[in-house]
Every structure is written in structure tokens, then in C-alpha cells.
Amino acid sequence: MNRSLQPLWPMLMLAAVGLTACGSNESEISTWMAEQRAQSRPKVTPISEPKKFIPQEYLGADAMDPFNVQKLTQALKRDSASPGNMAIIAPEMARRKEPLEAMPLDSMAMVGSMQKGGVPVALLRIDNLLYQVKVGNYLGQNFGRIMKITETEVQLREVVQDSSGDWIERPASLQLQERGK
């Protein structure tokens, strides 16, 4: 025997004994695993049959469409037919709209005032364009009629609906906007 291999013999013998020990354990592990599988079977409850779908016939096909324009128009006429409403809103609905009624009040700014033939005139800036307005003109989207023009303010009367649906008058104003502040 070679002297260089002599110190390795005890290690080789130990490895051989260890491997034989693992081999015998492997059969024990296999039997233990088989026993555990047999004891622990999963319990699955069966799923119930699905309910049968029975289609229902749609009965609303012959009914009036809730979004029908005629139905909406009738409802609006009925709501606005109360005597208090008609006195306020009827003149506003009968007249022709002015161009500045298409724009909201908050998009307008009073930038000046002047006298034109003894009549006060306010200068309004809307989208970088100047407009001259006088008492009696209409502004804004709520039937706003100019009632008074001073050097610093345009006073309006608007017609709006309150929470109960009745038309009421409310005051509004545009203040002079100074530049450079």
C-alpha cells in the first residue's frame, strides 16, 4: 500500500459506513411517508348543482321611455305653470337673447365706466375683448338684467330657480377690476 494513501483509509471506511446507514434509513423514511399519506386524506365537500336560469320577459317595452323629450317638456311646463313662476319667468322666455347672455358672469370683468350722451355706460372685458353695456342690457346665463351702473360697479337682477324649483330674483354685481395691483 502506498504511504500517501494511508491517512485516507479511515476516512474512506467512515464514508462507506455512513452510506450504508443512509441506505437503511431511506426505506424507513419511505414507509413513514406512505403511512402519513394514508392517514391524511383531504376532505373535499362536493359543489352543489348550479341553479337553472329562467329568462323573464321584459314588460317595459311598451311603456313610455323615461328620457322621452315630450315627457320632459310636459313635466317642465307643468312645473313652471304655477302662478308665482310665470310672473317672473314669462317675460324672460318671450324675449330674444342678447349676445352677452351666452357667457357666464365670472368670465366678465368690469374695467371702466363712462358717460355716453348723459347715460352711464360700463366697459366689460370678456376674452380680451371690450364691450359697452348700459342699464337694461342683459348679461350672464341667469337672465341677468343690468339695473344700475356706477363708477365702480354694475348691479344686476338675475332670475334663478331656488331649491324648491320656484323662480326667484336675486341681486348680483360686477366690481371694477383695477390693473397693476
N, C-alpha and C. Protein backbone atom coordinates (compact mmCIF):
# COMPACT_ATOMS: atom_id res chain seq x y z
N MET A 1 0.83 -1.18 0.00
CA MET A 1 0.00 0.00 0.00
C MET A 1 0.87 1.23 0.00
N ASN A 2 0.43 2.19 -0.66
CA ASN A 2 1.17 3.42 -0.82
C ASN A 2 1.04 4.24 0.45
N ARG A 3 2.15 4.82 0.89
CA ARG A 3 2.13 5.58 2.14
C ARG A 3 1.33 6.87 2.01
N SER A 4 1.21 7.45 0.87
CA SER A 4 0.45 8.69 0.72
C SER A 4 -1.06 8.45 0.85
N LEU A 5 -1.50 7.19 0.64
CA LEU A 5 -2.93 6.90 0.74
C LEU A 5 -3.31 6.41 2.14
N GLN A 6 -2.35 6.11 2.99
CA GLN A 6 -2.64 5.58 4.31
C GLN A 6 -3.51 6.50 5.18
N PRO A 7 -3.28 7.78 5.25
CA PRO A 7 -4.15 8.60 6.10
C PRO A 7 -5.58 8.68 5.55
N LEU A 8 -5.84 8.35 4.32
CA LEU A 8 -7.18 8.46 3.75
C LEU A 8 -8.04 7.25 4.06
N TRP A 9 -7.44 6.10 4.42
CA TRP A 9 -8.21 4.88 4.66
C TRP A 9 -9.24 5.06 5.76
N PRO A 10 -8.95 5.62 6.87
CA PRO A 10 -10.00 5.74 7.89
C PRO A 10 -11.17 6.59 7.38
N MET A 11 -10.88 7.56 6.61
CA MET A 11 -11.96 8.42 6.09
C MET A 11 -12.81 7.67 5.09
N LEU A 12 -12.18 6.85 4.26
CA LEU A 12 -12.94 6.08 3.28
C LEU A 12 -13.83 5.07 3.98
N MET A 13 -13.32 4.45 5.03
CA MET A 13 -14.12 3.48 5.77
C MET A 13 -15.31 4.16 6.45
N LEU A 14 -15.08 5.33 6.99
CA LEU A 14 -16.15 6.08 7.64
C LEU A 14 -17.23 6.47 6.64
N ALA A 15 -16.83 6.86 5.44
CA ALA A 15 -17.77 7.24 4.39
C ALA A 15 -18.60 6.04 3.96
N ALA A 16 -17.95 4.85 3.86
CA ALA A 16 -18.68 3.65 3.45
C ALA A 16 -19.71 3.27 4.49
N VAL A 17 -19.38 3.36 5.78
CA VAL A 17 -20.32 3.03 6.85
C VAL A 17 -21.47 4.03 6.83
N GLY A 18 -21.15 5.29 6.61
CA GLY A 18 -22.20 6.33 6.57
C GLY A 18 -23.18 6.11 5.43
N LEU A 19 -22.67 5.69 4.29
CA LEU A 19 -23.55 5.47 3.15
C LEU A 19 -24.45 4.27 3.37
N THR A 20 -23.98 3.27 4.00
CA THR A 20 -24.83 2.11 4.28
C THR A 20 -25.91 2.47 5.28
N ALA A 21 -25.59 3.35 6.22
CA ALA A 21 -26.59 3.79 7.20
C ALA A 21 -27.69 4.59 6.51
N CYS A 22 -27.33 5.40 5.55
CA CYS A 22 -28.34 6.20 4.82
C CYS A 22 -29.23 5.28 4.01
N GLY A 23 -28.70 4.26 3.48
CA GLY A 23 -29.49 3.33 2.68
C GLY A 23 -30.57 2.66 3.50
N SER A 24 -30.28 2.30 4.72
CA SER A 24 -31.29 1.65 5.56
C SER A 24 -32.33 2.66 6.02
N ASN A 25 -31.94 3.90 6.24
CA ASN A 25 -32.86 4.96 6.65
C ASN A 25 -33.84 5.29 5.52
N GLU A 26 -33.40 5.15 4.32
CA GLU A 26 -34.24 5.52 3.18
C GLU A 26 -35.50 4.67 3.14
N SER A 27 -35.39 3.42 3.46
CA SER A 27 -36.57 2.56 3.46
C SER A 27 -37.50 2.91 4.62
N GLU A 28 -36.93 3.30 5.77
CA GLU A 28 -37.75 3.72 6.90
C GLU A 28 -38.52 5.00 6.56
N ILE A 29 -37.82 5.92 5.90
CA ILE A 29 -38.47 7.19 5.52
C ILE A 29 -39.60 6.93 4.53
N SER A 30 -39.36 6.05 3.59
CA SER A 30 -40.39 5.74 2.59
C SER A 30 -41.62 5.14 3.25
N THR A 31 -41.44 4.25 4.19
CA THR A 31 -42.60 3.66 4.86
C THR A 31 -43.33 4.69 5.72
N TRP A 32 -42.59 5.58 6.39
CA TRP A 32 -43.22 6.63 7.21
C TRP A 32 -44.05 7.57 6.33
N MET A 33 -43.51 7.95 5.16
CA MET A 33 -44.22 8.84 4.24
C MET A 33 -45.51 8.18 3.74
N ALA A 34 -45.45 6.88 3.45
CA ALA A 34 -46.64 6.16 2.98
C ALA A 34 -47.71 6.14 4.06
N GLU A 35 -47.31 5.91 5.31
CA GLU A 35 -48.26 5.92 6.43
C GLU A 35 -48.93 7.29 6.57
N GLN A 36 -48.14 8.36 6.48
CA GLN A 36 -48.67 9.73 6.63
C GLN A 36 -49.66 10.06 5.51
N ARG A 37 -49.36 9.65 4.30
CA ARG A 37 -50.28 9.90 3.17
C ARG A 37 -51.61 9.19 3.39
N ALA A 38 -51.52 7.96 3.90
CA ALA A 38 -52.74 7.18 4.13
C ALA A 38 -53.60 7.80 5.22
N GLN A 39 -52.98 8.38 6.24
CA GLN A 39 -53.73 8.96 7.36
C GLN A 39 -54.33 10.32 7.02
N SER A 40 -53.68 11.09 6.20
CA SER A 40 -54.15 12.45 5.94
C SER A 40 -54.75 12.57 4.53
N ARG A 41 -55.99 12.17 4.42
CA ARG A 41 -56.73 12.32 3.17
C ARG A 41 -57.45 13.67 3.18
N PRO A 42 -57.39 14.43 2.10
CA PRO A 42 -58.11 15.72 2.09
C PRO A 42 -59.62 15.49 2.05
N LYS A 43 -60.33 16.36 2.77
CA LYS A 43 -61.79 16.27 2.81
C LYS A 43 -62.36 17.38 1.91
N VAL A 44 -62.95 16.99 0.82
CA VAL A 44 -63.50 17.94 -0.15
C VAL A 44 -65.01 17.77 -0.17
N THR A 45 -65.72 18.86 0.12
CA THR A 45 -67.18 18.81 0.06
C THR A 45 -67.60 19.04 -1.39
N PRO A 46 -68.53 18.28 -1.88
CA PRO A 46 -68.94 18.44 -3.28
C PRO A 46 -69.68 19.76 -3.48
N ILE A 47 -69.50 20.35 -4.65
CA ILE A 47 -70.15 21.61 -5.01
C ILE A 47 -71.58 21.31 -5.41
N SER A 48 -72.49 22.18 -4.96
CA SER A 48 -73.90 21.98 -5.30
C SER A 48 -74.14 22.31 -6.78
N GLU A 49 -75.20 21.76 -7.31
CA GLU A 49 -75.56 21.99 -8.70
C GLU A 49 -75.93 23.47 -8.89
N PRO A 50 -75.55 24.07 -10.01
CA PRO A 50 -75.94 25.47 -10.23
C PRO A 50 -77.44 25.59 -10.46
N LYS A 51 -77.99 26.76 -10.05
CA LYS A 51 -79.42 26.99 -10.23
C LYS A 51 -79.71 27.17 -11.70
N LYS A 52 -80.84 26.71 -12.12
CA LYS A 52 -81.23 26.82 -13.52
C LYS A 52 -81.71 28.25 -13.78
N PHE A 53 -81.22 28.85 -14.85
CA PHE A 53 -81.59 30.20 -15.22
C PHE A 53 -82.91 30.17 -15.99
N ILE A 54 -83.88 30.93 -15.50
CA ILE A 54 -85.17 31.03 -16.18
C ILE A 54 -85.31 32.46 -16.68
N PRO A 55 -85.27 32.68 -17.99
CA PRO A 55 -85.36 34.05 -18.51
C PRO A 55 -86.75 34.64 -18.27
N GLN A 56 -86.77 35.94 -17.94
CA GLN A 56 -88.02 36.66 -17.73
C GLN A 56 -88.29 37.54 -18.95
N GLU A 57 -89.52 37.68 -19.29
CA GLU A 57 -89.88 38.53 -20.43
C GLU A 57 -89.87 39.99 -19.97
N TYR A 58 -89.30 40.90 -20.79
CA TYR A 58 -89.25 42.33 -20.46
C TYR A 58 -90.61 42.95 -20.75
N LEU A 59 -91.22 43.50 -19.72
CA LEU A 59 -92.57 44.04 -19.85
C LEU A 59 -92.58 45.54 -20.10
N GLY A 60 -91.44 46.20 -19.99
CA GLY A 60 -91.40 47.65 -20.13
C GLY A 60 -91.23 48.14 -21.56
N ALA A 61 -91.23 47.25 -22.52
CA ALA A 61 -91.01 47.67 -23.91
C ALA A 61 -92.13 48.57 -24.42
N ASP A 62 -93.36 48.34 -23.93
CA ASP A 62 -94.50 49.14 -24.41
C ASP A 62 -94.68 50.41 -23.59
N ALA A 63 -93.97 50.55 -22.47
CA ALA A 63 -94.10 51.73 -21.62
C ALA A 63 -93.38 52.92 -22.25
N MET A 64 -93.70 54.13 -21.77
CA MET A 64 -93.08 55.34 -22.30
C MET A 64 -91.63 55.43 -21.82
N ASP A 65 -90.76 55.81 -22.71
CA ASP A 65 -89.34 55.98 -22.39
C ASP A 65 -89.19 57.12 -21.38
N PRO A 66 -88.50 56.89 -20.24
CA PRO A 66 -88.38 57.96 -19.25
C PRO A 66 -87.55 59.14 -19.73
N PHE A 67 -86.78 58.97 -20.79
CA PHE A 67 -85.96 60.04 -21.32
C PHE A 67 -86.58 60.67 -22.57
N ASN A 68 -87.84 60.43 -22.80
CA ASN A 68 -88.55 60.96 -23.95
C ASN A 68 -88.64 62.49 -23.83
N VAL A 69 -88.36 63.19 -24.91
CA VAL A 69 -88.36 64.65 -24.90
C VAL A 69 -89.76 65.20 -24.62
N GLN A 70 -90.79 64.55 -25.14
CA GLN A 70 -92.16 65.02 -24.91
C GLN A 70 -92.52 64.93 -23.42
N LYS A 71 -92.13 63.85 -22.79
CA LYS A 71 -92.43 63.68 -21.36
C LYS A 71 -91.71 64.74 -20.54
N LEU A 72 -90.45 65.03 -20.88
CA LEU A 72 -89.69 66.05 -20.17
C LEU A 72 -90.30 67.43 -20.38
N THR A 73 -90.71 67.73 -21.60
CA THR A 73 -91.32 69.03 -21.90
C THR A 73 -92.62 69.21 -21.12
N GLN A 74 -93.44 68.17 -21.07
CA GLN A 74 -94.69 68.25 -20.31
C GLN A 74 -94.42 68.49 -18.82
N ALA A 75 -93.44 67.82 -18.28
CA ALA A 75 -93.12 67.98 -16.86
C ALA A 75 -92.62 69.39 -16.58
N LEU A 76 -91.79 69.93 -17.45
CA LEU A 76 -91.28 71.29 -17.25
C LEU A 76 -92.41 72.31 -17.36
N LYS A 77 -93.32 72.14 -18.31
CA LYS A 77 -94.45 73.07 -18.44
C LYS A 77 -95.34 73.00 -17.20
N ARG A 78 -95.57 71.80 -16.70
CA ARG A 78 -96.41 71.62 -15.53
C ARG A 78 -95.76 72.28 -14.31
N ASP A 79 -94.43 72.11 -14.15
CA ASP A 79 -93.73 72.70 -13.01
C ASP A 79 -93.67 74.22 -13.09
N SER A 80 -93.50 74.75 -14.29
CA SER A 80 -93.37 76.19 -14.42
C SER A 80 -94.72 76.89 -14.56
N ALA A 81 -95.81 76.14 -14.51
CA ALA A 81 -97.14 76.73 -14.68
C ALA A 81 -97.70 77.33 -13.40
N SER A 82 -96.99 77.20 -12.29
CA SER A 82 -97.51 77.80 -11.06
C SER A 82 -97.52 79.32 -11.20
N PRO A 83 -98.52 80.01 -10.61
CA PRO A 83 -98.68 81.45 -10.84
C PRO A 83 -97.46 82.28 -10.45
N GLY A 84 -96.78 81.94 -9.37
CA GLY A 84 -95.62 82.72 -8.95
C GLY A 84 -94.48 82.62 -9.95
N ASN A 85 -94.32 81.47 -10.54
CA ASN A 85 -93.24 81.28 -11.51
C ASN A 85 -93.49 82.03 -12.80
N MET A 86 -94.69 81.98 -13.30
CA MET A 86 -94.99 82.57 -14.61
C MET A 86 -94.80 84.08 -14.61
N ALA A 87 -95.10 84.74 -13.52
CA ALA A 87 -94.98 86.19 -13.47
C ALA A 87 -93.53 86.63 -13.64
N ILE A 88 -92.60 85.84 -13.13
CA ILE A 88 -91.18 86.21 -13.18
C ILE A 88 -90.52 85.74 -14.47
N ILE A 89 -90.78 84.50 -14.87
CA ILE A 89 -90.02 83.90 -15.95
C ILE A 89 -90.63 84.15 -17.33
N ALA A 90 -91.93 84.38 -17.42
CA ALA A 90 -92.58 84.54 -18.73
C ALA A 90 -91.96 85.65 -19.58
N PRO A 91 -91.71 86.85 -19.03
CA PRO A 91 -91.10 87.88 -19.88
C PRO A 91 -89.69 87.50 -20.34
N GLU A 92 -88.97 86.78 -19.50
CA GLU A 92 -87.60 86.38 -19.86
C GLU A 92 -87.60 85.36 -20.99
N MET A 93 -88.57 84.47 -20.99
CA MET A 93 -88.64 83.43 -22.01
C MET A 93 -89.14 83.99 -23.36
N ALA A 94 -89.95 85.06 -23.29
CA ALA A 94 -90.55 85.59 -24.51
C ALA A 94 -89.59 86.48 -25.31
N ARG A 95 -88.59 87.05 -24.69
CA ARG A 95 -87.71 87.99 -25.38
C ARG A 95 -86.56 87.28 -26.10
N ARG A 96 -85.93 88.02 -27.00
CA ARG A 96 -84.78 87.49 -27.73
C ARG A 96 -83.52 87.66 -26.87
N LYS A 97 -82.69 86.63 -26.83
CA LYS A 97 -81.48 86.68 -26.00
C LYS A 97 -80.44 87.60 -26.63
N GLU A 98 -79.68 88.27 -25.75
CA GLU A 98 -78.59 89.14 -26.19
C GLU A 98 -77.28 88.34 -26.23
N PRO A 99 -76.29 88.79 -27.01
CA PRO A 99 -75.05 88.01 -27.16
C PRO A 99 -74.30 87.75 -25.86
N LEU A 100 -74.29 88.68 -24.92
CA LEU A 100 -73.53 88.50 -23.69
C LEU A 100 -74.21 87.56 -22.70
N GLU A 101 -75.41 87.08 -23.01
CA GLU A 101 -76.08 86.11 -22.14
C GLU A 101 -75.53 84.70 -22.35
N ALA A 102 -74.73 84.50 -23.37
CA ALA A 102 -74.16 83.18 -23.62
C ALA A 102 -72.93 82.91 -22.74
N MET A 103 -72.43 83.95 -22.06
CA MET A 103 -71.20 83.81 -21.27
C MET A 103 -71.51 83.93 -19.78
N PRO A 104 -70.84 83.14 -18.95
CA PRO A 104 -71.09 83.24 -17.51
C PRO A 104 -70.55 84.54 -16.93
N LEU A 105 -71.14 84.99 -15.84
CA LEU A 105 -70.73 86.26 -15.21
C LEU A 105 -69.29 86.22 -14.73
N ASP A 106 -68.83 85.07 -14.28
CA ASP A 106 -67.47 85.02 -13.75
C ASP A 106 -66.40 85.11 -14.84
N SER A 107 -66.80 85.08 -16.11
CA SER A 107 -65.82 85.27 -17.18
C SER A 107 -65.75 86.75 -17.59
N MET A 108 -66.54 87.60 -16.96
CA MET A 108 -66.59 89.02 -17.29
C MET A 108 -65.88 89.83 -16.21
N ALA A 109 -65.27 90.93 -16.64
CA ALA A 109 -64.62 91.85 -15.69
C ALA A 109 -64.96 93.28 -16.09
N MET A 110 -65.39 94.06 -15.12
CA MET A 110 -65.64 95.49 -15.37
C MET A 110 -64.30 96.20 -15.32
N VAL A 111 -63.94 96.88 -16.41
CA VAL A 111 -62.65 97.55 -16.47
C VAL A 111 -62.78 99.07 -16.52
N GLY A 112 -64.01 99.58 -16.56
CA GLY A 112 -64.18 101.03 -16.58
C GLY A 112 -65.63 101.42 -16.77
N SER A 113 -65.87 102.73 -16.68
CA SER A 113 -67.20 103.27 -16.92
C SER A 113 -67.05 104.65 -17.52
N MET A 114 -68.10 105.11 -18.19
CA MET A 114 -68.08 106.44 -18.81
C MET A 114 -69.51 106.91 -19.02
N GLN A 115 -69.64 108.16 -19.39
CA GLN A 115 -70.94 108.73 -19.73
C GLN A 115 -71.01 108.87 -21.24
N LYS A 116 -72.06 108.39 -21.84
CA LYS A 116 -72.23 108.48 -23.29
C LYS A 116 -73.60 109.11 -23.55
N GLY A 117 -73.61 110.38 -23.92
CA GLY A 117 -74.87 111.10 -24.11
C GLY A 117 -75.64 111.25 -22.81
N GLY A 118 -74.94 111.38 -21.71
CA GLY A 118 -75.58 111.55 -20.40
C GLY A 118 -76.04 110.23 -19.79
N VAL A 119 -75.80 109.13 -20.46
CA VAL A 119 -76.21 107.81 -19.97
C VAL A 119 -74.96 107.06 -19.49
N PRO A 120 -75.00 106.49 -18.29
CA PRO A 120 -73.82 105.73 -17.83
C PRO A 120 -73.64 104.44 -18.63
N VAL A 121 -72.39 104.20 -19.01
CA VAL A 121 -72.03 103.01 -19.79
C VAL A 121 -70.86 102.33 -19.07
N ALA A 122 -70.94 101.01 -18.94
CA ALA A 122 -69.85 100.24 -18.32
C ALA A 122 -69.06 99.54 -19.41
N LEU A 123 -67.75 99.44 -19.19
CA LEU A 123 -66.87 98.72 -20.12
C LEU A 123 -66.54 97.36 -19.49
N LEU A 124 -66.90 96.28 -20.20
CA LEU A 124 -66.66 94.93 -19.72
C LEU A 124 -65.64 94.25 -20.62
N ARG A 125 -64.69 93.56 -19.99
CA ARG A 125 -63.71 92.78 -20.76
C ARG A 125 -64.10 91.31 -20.65
N ILE A 126 -64.28 90.70 -21.83
CA ILE A 126 -64.60 89.27 -21.92
C ILE A 126 -63.70 88.69 -22.99
N ASP A 127 -62.85 87.73 -22.61
CA ASP A 127 -61.91 87.08 -23.55
C ASP A 127 -61.07 88.11 -24.31
N ASN A 128 -60.55 89.09 -23.60
CA ASN A 128 -59.69 90.15 -24.15
C ASN A 128 -60.39 91.02 -25.19
N LEU A 129 -61.71 91.08 -25.16
CA LEU A 129 -62.49 91.99 -25.99
C LEU A 129 -63.26 92.92 -25.07
N LEU A 130 -63.44 94.19 -25.49
CA LEU A 130 -64.18 95.16 -24.69
C LEU A 130 -65.60 95.30 -25.22
N TYR A 131 -66.55 95.34 -24.29
CA TYR A 131 -67.96 95.52 -24.64
C TYR A 131 -68.50 96.70 -23.84
N GLN A 132 -69.39 97.49 -24.48
CA GLN A 132 -70.07 98.58 -23.79
C GLN A 132 -71.49 98.10 -23.46
N VAL A 133 -71.89 98.26 -22.19
CA VAL A 133 -73.23 97.88 -21.77
C VAL A 133 -73.86 99.04 -21.02
N LYS A 134 -75.19 99.09 -21.06
CA LYS A 134 -75.92 100.15 -20.36
C LYS A 134 -77.07 99.53 -19.58
N VAL A 135 -77.75 100.34 -18.79
CA VAL A 135 -78.87 99.88 -17.99
C VAL A 135 -79.93 99.30 -18.92
N GLY A 136 -80.43 98.11 -18.58
CA GLY A 136 -81.44 97.43 -19.40
C GLY A 136 -80.87 96.29 -20.24
N ASN A 137 -79.54 96.29 -20.45
CA ASN A 137 -78.93 95.17 -21.17
C ASN A 137 -78.92 93.92 -20.29
N TYR A 138 -78.75 92.78 -20.94
CA TYR A 138 -78.72 91.50 -20.21
C TYR A 138 -77.32 90.91 -20.26
N LEU A 139 -76.91 90.30 -19.14
CA LEU A 139 -75.59 89.67 -19.00
C LEU A 139 -75.72 88.32 -18.32
N GLY A 140 -74.84 87.41 -18.63
CA GLY A 140 -74.76 86.14 -17.92
C GLY A 140 -75.82 85.15 -18.33
N GLN A 141 -75.72 83.96 -17.74
CA GLN A 141 -76.59 82.86 -18.14
C GLN A 141 -77.82 82.69 -17.26
N ASN A 142 -78.04 83.61 -16.32
CA ASN A 142 -79.19 83.52 -15.42
C ASN A 142 -80.15 84.70 -15.61
N PHE A 143 -80.39 85.07 -16.85
CA PHE A 143 -81.30 86.17 -17.18
C PHE A 143 -80.94 87.44 -16.41
N GLY A 144 -79.64 87.75 -16.33
CA GLY A 144 -79.17 88.90 -15.56
C GLY A 144 -79.42 90.21 -16.31
N ARG A 145 -80.22 91.09 -15.73
CA ARG A 145 -80.54 92.39 -16.34
C ARG A 145 -79.83 93.49 -15.56
N ILE A 146 -79.16 94.39 -16.28
CA ILE A 146 -78.44 95.49 -15.62
C ILE A 146 -79.46 96.48 -15.08
N MET A 147 -79.38 96.76 -13.77
CA MET A 147 -80.31 97.67 -13.12
C MET A 147 -79.67 99.04 -12.85
N LYS A 148 -78.34 99.05 -12.58
CA LYS A 148 -77.68 100.30 -12.23
C LYS A 148 -76.20 100.19 -12.56
N ILE A 149 -75.64 101.29 -13.05
CA ILE A 149 -74.20 101.36 -13.35
C ILE A 149 -73.63 102.54 -12.59
N THR A 150 -72.60 102.26 -11.77
CA THR A 150 -71.88 103.33 -11.08
C THR A 150 -70.44 103.32 -11.60
N GLU A 151 -69.60 104.20 -11.05
CA GLU A 151 -68.21 104.26 -11.49
C GLU A 151 -67.45 102.99 -11.15
N THR A 152 -67.87 102.28 -10.12
CA THR A 152 -67.11 101.10 -9.66
C THR A 152 -67.87 99.79 -9.71
N GLU A 153 -69.14 99.82 -10.16
CA GLU A 153 -69.94 98.60 -10.07
C GLU A 153 -71.07 98.57 -11.10
N VAL A 154 -71.37 97.35 -11.56
CA VAL A 154 -72.56 97.09 -12.38
C VAL A 154 -73.46 96.20 -11.54
N GLN A 155 -74.69 96.70 -11.24
CA GLN A 155 -75.63 95.92 -10.43
C GLN A 155 -76.63 95.24 -11.35
N LEU A 156 -76.88 93.95 -11.09
CA LEU A 156 -77.76 93.13 -11.92
C LEU A 156 -78.88 92.54 -11.08
N ARG A 157 -79.93 92.14 -11.77
CA ARG A 157 -81.00 91.35 -11.19
C ARG A 157 -81.05 90.06 -12.00
N GLU A 158 -80.81 88.90 -11.33
CA GLU A 158 -80.85 87.60 -12.01
C GLU A 158 -82.11 86.87 -11.62
N VAL A 159 -82.59 86.01 -12.52
CA VAL A 159 -83.74 85.16 -12.25
C VAL A 159 -83.23 83.73 -12.23
N VAL A 160 -83.32 83.07 -11.07
CA VAL A 160 -82.82 81.71 -10.88
C VAL A 160 -83.87 80.86 -10.19
N GLN A 161 -83.69 79.55 -10.26
CA GLN A 161 -84.59 78.64 -9.56
C GLN A 161 -84.01 78.34 -8.18
N ASP A 162 -84.89 78.37 -7.18
CA ASP A 162 -84.45 78.01 -5.83
C ASP A 162 -84.53 76.50 -5.65
N SER A 163 -84.27 76.02 -4.44
CA SER A 163 -84.22 74.58 -4.20
C SER A 163 -85.56 73.89 -4.40
N SER A 164 -86.66 74.62 -4.28
CA SER A 164 -87.98 74.01 -4.49
C SER A 164 -88.43 74.09 -5.94
N GLY A 165 -87.64 74.72 -6.79
CA GLY A 165 -87.98 74.80 -8.21
C GLY A 165 -88.70 76.07 -8.61
N ASP A 166 -88.96 76.95 -7.65
CA ASP A 166 -89.63 78.22 -7.96
C ASP A 166 -88.61 79.22 -8.48
N TRP A 167 -89.06 80.08 -9.41
CA TRP A 167 -88.19 81.12 -9.96
C TRP A 167 -88.19 82.30 -9.01
N ILE A 168 -86.99 82.78 -8.67
CA ILE A 168 -86.86 83.93 -7.78
C ILE A 168 -85.85 84.91 -8.38
N GLU A 169 -85.94 86.15 -7.92
CA GLU A 169 -84.97 87.17 -8.33
C GLU A 169 -83.89 87.28 -7.28
N ARG A 170 -82.65 87.48 -7.72
CA ARG A 170 -81.55 87.68 -6.76
C ARG A 170 -80.62 88.74 -7.31
N PRO A 171 -80.01 89.51 -6.44
CA PRO A 171 -79.08 90.54 -6.91
C PRO A 171 -77.71 89.94 -7.21
N ALA A 172 -77.02 90.56 -8.16
CA ALA A 172 -75.64 90.18 -8.49
C ALA A 172 -74.93 91.47 -8.90
N SER A 173 -73.60 91.42 -8.92
CA SER A 173 -72.86 92.63 -9.32
C SER A 173 -71.52 92.26 -9.90
N LEU A 174 -70.99 93.17 -10.69
CA LEU A 174 -69.62 93.09 -11.21
C LEU A 174 -68.88 94.30 -10.67
N GLN A 175 -67.76 94.07 -10.01
CA GLN A 175 -66.96 95.13 -9.42
C GLN A 175 -65.87 95.58 -10.41
N LEU A 176 -65.46 96.82 -10.31
CA LEU A 176 -64.38 97.36 -11.13
C LEU A 176 -63.09 96.61 -10.81
N GLN A 177 -62.43 96.12 -11.84
CA GLN A 177 -61.16 95.39 -11.68
C GLN A 177 -60.02 96.34 -12.07
N GLU A 178 -59.19 96.69 -11.10
CA GLU A 178 -58.08 97.59 -11.38
C GLU A 178 -56.86 96.78 -11.75
N ARG A 179 -56.10 97.23 -12.75
CA ARG A 179 -54.89 96.54 -13.19
C ARG A 179 -53.69 97.04 -12.41
N GLY A 180 -52.64 96.21 -12.38
CA GLY A 180 -51.36 96.63 -11.83
C GLY A 180 -51.22 96.48 -10.34
N LYS A 181 -52.16 95.86 -9.67
CA LYS A 181 -52.03 95.68 -8.22
C LYS A 181 -51.28 94.45 -7.90
